[in-house]
Amino acid sequence: MEYDDWLPVYDAVLDDFGYDRAGDERARDVLAEFVGDFDVARLDCTGETVAVAGGAPSLADETALAADADRVFAASTAVDVLTDSGVDTDLMVTDLDKNPETARRLTESGTPVAAHAHGDNVPAVREHVPTFDTDHVLGTTQAEPVGPVRNFGGFTDGDRAAFLADHLGAETLVFPGWDFDDPDVDAEKAQKLDWAERLLYWLETLRGDDFDVLDGRRDGIDAVP
């Protein structure tokens, strides 16, 4: 995903949520103070099946789908659920809002973490990222990439994991632990899930693919700009 291709979608996200671009850029610059260049070739998954694990309650019943994949890219607390089931994660994707201690543990054991900075999480970036083994931290932003902080596309932890897997050459993406209609989330989270669905629909279109997680839903999905 090139930034020029991502930019119109990012503009639409900012407009829909009322977010401040300058806030995202400040957060990106703070993150850049703590991370170095990360060799994404470490995560090359050319020709492989990647499980993009979401944090929905259904993940506990779908861990076998992750276990059977060649690689597992997990969003935030999905890592903990998978660990409890004996499934290793190859990459954690997180904006540090729920389980930073898991991210710290992973980096200390040499497992990469894609740590994301946005306008609302600068305190978390300052507090947690310096405690990680930053040799194993990939800094990401939804704004224009600068220095070591990259932008592969995506907005929520889960769909960012899918865009990363696509960038890294995944042949097949599978999606344990996803629920776009979770009734237990608040209005903002529901809005984010709507965008995650739209972004996955865009990604499958770009790939010429069909993601099982979108089966039966496509007719109701608004295309991205």
Protein backbone atom coordinates (compact mmCIF):
# COMPACT_ATOMS: atom_id res chain seq x y z
CA MET A 1 0.00 0.00 0.00
CA GLU A 2 1.49 3.29 -1.12
CA TYR A 3 0.68 6.35 0.96
CA ASP A 4 -0.79 8.17 -2.04
CA ASP A 5 -3.30 5.32 -2.43
CA TRP A 6 -4.09 5.32 1.28
CA LEU A 7 -4.46 9.11 1.63
CA PRO A 8 -8.03 9.51 0.26
CA VAL A 9 -9.22 6.76 2.60
CA TYR A 10 -7.38 8.30 5.54
CA ASP A 11 -8.99 11.66 4.76
CA ALA A 12 -12.40 9.97 4.87
CA VAL A 13 -11.61 8.33 8.21
CA LEU A 14 -10.55 11.66 9.70
CA ASP A 15 -13.74 13.29 8.44
CA ASP A 16 -16.00 10.50 9.68
CA PHE A 17 -14.57 10.44 13.20
CA GLY A 18 -13.64 14.11 13.50
CA TYR A 19 -10.04 13.19 14.23
CA ASP A 20 -7.19 15.67 13.94
CA ARG A 21 -4.50 14.97 11.35
CA ALA A 22 -2.01 17.07 13.30
CA GLY A 23 -2.61 14.89 16.36
CA ASP A 24 -1.77 11.76 14.39
CA GLU A 25 1.36 13.41 13.07
CA ARG A 26 2.48 14.46 16.56
CA ALA A 27 1.93 10.92 17.79
CA ARG A 28 3.92 9.55 14.85
CA ASP A 29 6.82 11.86 15.70
CA VAL A 30 6.78 10.82 19.34
CA LEU A 31 6.88 7.16 18.33
CA ALA A 32 9.80 7.89 16.00
CA GLU A 33 11.82 9.00 19.03
CA PHE A 34 11.67 5.48 20.47
CA VAL A 35 11.88 3.09 17.51
CA GLY A 36 14.49 2.36 14.87
CA ASP A 37 14.34 0.95 11.39
CA PHE A 38 12.70 -2.46 11.45
CA ASP A 39 13.57 -4.99 8.74
CA VAL A 40 10.13 -6.14 7.60
CA ALA A 41 11.79 -8.94 5.63
CA ARG A 42 11.89 -10.74 8.98
CA LEU A 43 8.15 -11.19 8.54
CA ASP A 44 8.16 -12.21 4.89
CA CYS A 45 5.21 -14.52 4.28
CA THR A 46 5.35 -14.87 0.52
CA GLY A 47 3.10 -17.70 -0.60
CA GLU A 48 1.95 -18.46 2.94
CA THR A 49 -1.39 -18.56 4.73
CA VAL A 50 -1.62 -15.89 7.41
CA ALA A 51 -4.23 -15.99 10.15
CA VAL A 52 -5.29 -12.44 11.00
CA ALA A 53 -6.68 -12.95 14.49
CA GLY A 54 -9.21 -10.50 15.84
CA GLY A 55 -10.25 -9.95 19.42
CA ALA A 56 -13.90 -11.02 19.25
CA PRO A 57 -15.14 -13.57 21.82
CA SER A 58 -15.47 -16.12 19.01
CA LEU A 59 -11.68 -16.42 18.84
CA ALA A 60 -11.67 -18.88 21.73
CA ASP A 61 -13.60 -21.33 19.53
CA GLU A 62 -11.58 -20.61 16.39
CA THR A 63 -7.99 -20.98 17.56
CA ALA A 64 -7.52 -24.07 15.37
CA LEU A 65 -7.82 -21.84 12.30
CA ALA A 66 -4.86 -19.84 13.57
CA ALA A 67 -2.92 -22.95 14.58
CA ASP A 68 -3.24 -24.36 11.07
CA ALA A 69 -1.89 -21.22 9.38
CA ASP A 70 1.74 -20.69 8.40
CA ARG A 71 1.85 -17.38 10.27
CA VAL A 72 -0.29 -15.65 12.86
CA PHE A 73 -0.70 -11.87 12.97
CA ALA A 74 -2.82 -11.05 16.02
CA ALA A 75 -4.57 -7.87 17.09
CA SER A 76 -3.99 -6.78 20.67
CA THR A 77 -5.73 -9.10 23.18
CA ALA A 78 -6.09 -11.84 20.56
CA VAL A 79 -2.49 -12.69 21.43
CA ASP A 80 -3.49 -13.60 24.98
CA VAL A 81 -6.34 -15.83 23.86
CA LEU A 82 -4.10 -17.63 21.41
CA THR A 83 -1.34 -18.04 23.99
CA ASP A 84 -3.80 -19.61 26.41
CA SER A 85 -4.61 -22.14 23.69
CA GLY A 86 -0.98 -22.88 22.93
CA VAL A 87 -0.88 -20.96 19.64
CA ASP A 88 2.16 -18.78 19.03
CA THR A 89 1.89 -15.34 17.46
CA ASP A 90 4.36 -14.18 14.81
CA LEU A 91 3.35 -10.52 14.99
CA MET A 92 1.28 -8.54 17.46
CA VAL A 93 -0.47 -5.46 16.06
CA THR A 94 -1.49 -2.98 18.74
CA ASP A 95 -2.13 0.65 19.56
CA LEU A 96 -1.21 -0.13 23.18
CA ASP A 97 -4.66 0.47 24.62
CA LYS A 98 -5.31 -2.89 26.31
CA ASN A 99 -2.38 -5.21 27.05
CA PRO A 100 0.98 -3.47 26.73
CA GLU A 101 2.50 -6.02 29.10
CA THR A 102 1.90 -8.68 26.45
CA ALA A 103 3.65 -6.54 23.86
CA ARG A 104 6.59 -6.08 26.23
CA ARG A 105 6.83 -9.82 26.86
CA LEU A 106 6.78 -10.60 23.15
CA THR A 107 9.54 -8.15 22.30
CA GLU A 108 11.66 -9.50 25.15
CA SER A 109 11.35 -12.97 23.62
CA GLY A 110 12.17 -11.69 20.13
CA THR A 111 8.66 -11.67 18.68
CA PRO A 112 7.90 -8.54 16.64
CA VAL A 113 5.26 -6.05 17.70
CA ALA A 114 3.78 -3.45 15.34
CA ALA A 115 3.19 -0.55 17.74
CA HIS A 116 0.83 2.06 16.36
CA ALA A 117 0.70 5.76 17.23
CA HIS A 118 -2.35 7.96 16.74
CA GLY A 119 -3.62 11.20 18.18
CA ASP A 120 -5.28 9.59 21.20
CA ASN A 121 -2.47 7.40 22.49
CA VAL A 122 0.61 9.57 22.91
CA PRO A 123 0.75 8.98 26.69
CA ALA A 124 0.68 5.22 26.10
CA VAL A 125 3.43 5.49 23.48
CA ARG A 126 5.61 7.47 25.89
CA GLU A 127 4.92 5.12 28.78
CA HIS A 128 5.21 1.73 27.15
CA VAL A 129 7.33 1.74 23.99
CA PRO A 130 10.57 2.68 25.79
CA THR A 131 10.10 -0.39 28.02
CA PHE A 132 10.00 -2.75 25.01
CA ASP A 133 13.00 -4.35 23.34
CA THR A 134 12.80 -1.95 20.41
CA ASP A 135 14.90 -4.20 18.18
CA HIS A 136 11.61 -6.04 17.78
CA VAL A 137 9.26 -3.07 17.39
CA LEU A 138 7.85 -1.93 14.06
CA GLY A 139 6.49 1.58 14.44
CA THR A 140 3.35 2.37 12.44
CA THR A 141 1.15 5.38 11.75
CA GLN A 142 -2.07 6.11 9.87
CA ALA A 143 -0.63 9.47 8.84
CA GLU A 144 2.18 10.12 6.36
CA PRO A 145 5.11 7.82 7.19
CA VAL A 146 8.28 9.51 8.41
CA GLY A 147 11.67 8.04 9.27
CA PRO A 148 11.37 4.62 10.89
CA VAL A 149 7.57 4.88 11.32
CA ARG A 150 5.77 3.10 8.48
CA ASN A 151 2.28 3.09 7.02
CA PHE A 152 1.06 -0.10 5.33
CA GLY A 153 -2.60 0.90 5.32
CA GLY A 154 -5.40 0.06 7.71
CA PHE A 155 -7.10 1.75 10.64
CA THR A 156 -7.96 -0.70 13.43
CA ASP A 157 -5.50 -3.21 14.86
CA GLY A 158 -7.16 -6.05 12.99
CA ASP A 159 -7.37 -4.59 9.53
CA ARG A 160 -3.86 -3.12 9.88
CA ALA A 161 -2.68 -6.69 10.49
CA ALA A 162 -4.37 -7.76 7.26
CA PHE A 163 -2.79 -4.93 5.25
CA LEU A 164 0.60 -5.83 6.71
CA ALA A 165 0.19 -9.48 5.76
CA ASP A 166 -0.75 -8.42 2.25
CA HIS A 167 2.31 -6.17 2.00
CA LEU A 168 4.50 -9.05 3.18
CA GLY A 169 3.32 -11.37 0.42
CA ALA A 170 0.66 -13.54 2.05
CA GLU A 171 -1.07 -15.77 -0.46
CA THR A 172 -4.11 -16.52 1.69
CA LEU A 173 -5.64 -14.61 4.61
CA VAL A 174 -7.95 -16.26 7.14
CA PHE A 175 -9.78 -14.45 9.91
CA PRO A 176 -10.40 -16.17 13.26
CA GLY A 177 -11.95 -14.05 15.98
CA TRP A 178 -13.82 -11.42 13.99
CA ASP A 179 -17.32 -10.07 14.71
CA PHE A 180 -18.40 -6.91 12.89
CA ASP A 181 -21.77 -6.92 14.68
CA ASP A 182 -20.59 -7.27 18.28
CA PRO A 183 -23.53 -5.97 20.36
CA ASP A 184 -21.37 -5.36 23.43
CA VAL A 185 -19.23 -2.54 22.02
CA ASP A 186 -19.91 1.17 22.35
CA ALA A 187 -20.88 3.44 19.47
CA GLU A 188 -17.33 4.51 18.61
CA LYS A 189 -16.08 0.94 18.58
CA ALA A 190 -19.03 -0.08 16.38
CA GLN A 191 -18.05 2.71 13.98
CA LYS A 192 -14.48 1.39 13.95
CA LEU A 193 -15.73 -2.11 13.20
CA ASP A 194 -17.69 -0.69 10.28
CA TRP A 195 -14.50 0.85 8.93
CA ALA A 196 -12.58 -2.38 9.50
CA GLU A 197 -15.16 -4.19 7.39
CA ARG A 198 -14.98 -1.56 4.66
CA LEU A 199 -11.20 -1.69 4.62
CA LEU A 200 -11.10 -5.48 4.40
CA TYR A 201 -13.56 -5.28 1.50
CA TRP A 202 -11.24 -2.82 -0.20
CA LEU A 203 -8.23 -5.04 0.46
CA GLU A 204 -9.87 -8.15 -0.94
CA THR A 205 -10.79 -6.15 -4.04
CA LEU A 206 -7.21 -4.96 -4.45
CA ARG A 207 -6.03 -8.55 -4.11
CA GLY A 208 -8.70 -10.01 -6.40
CA ASP A 209 -9.61 -12.20 -3.43
CA ASP A 210 -12.64 -13.23 -1.39
CA PHE A 211 -12.26 -13.22 2.38
CA ASP A 212 -14.52 -15.72 4.11
CA VAL A 213 -15.11 -13.22 6.93
CA LEU A 214 -17.05 -11.03 4.45
CA ASP A 215 -19.24 -13.77 2.98
CA GLY A 216 -22.90 -12.79 3.10
CA ARG A 217 -22.04 -9.19 3.96
CA ARG A 218 -20.70 -7.60 0.79
CA ASP A 219 -23.98 -6.19 -0.46
CA GLY A 220 -24.24 -4.07 2.69
CA ILE A 221 -20.69 -2.71 2.72
CA ASP A 222 -20.03 0.87 1.64
CA ALA A 223 -17.04 1.12 -0.67
CA VAL A 224 -14.15 3.27 0.52
CA PRO A 225 -13.56 6.56 -1.34
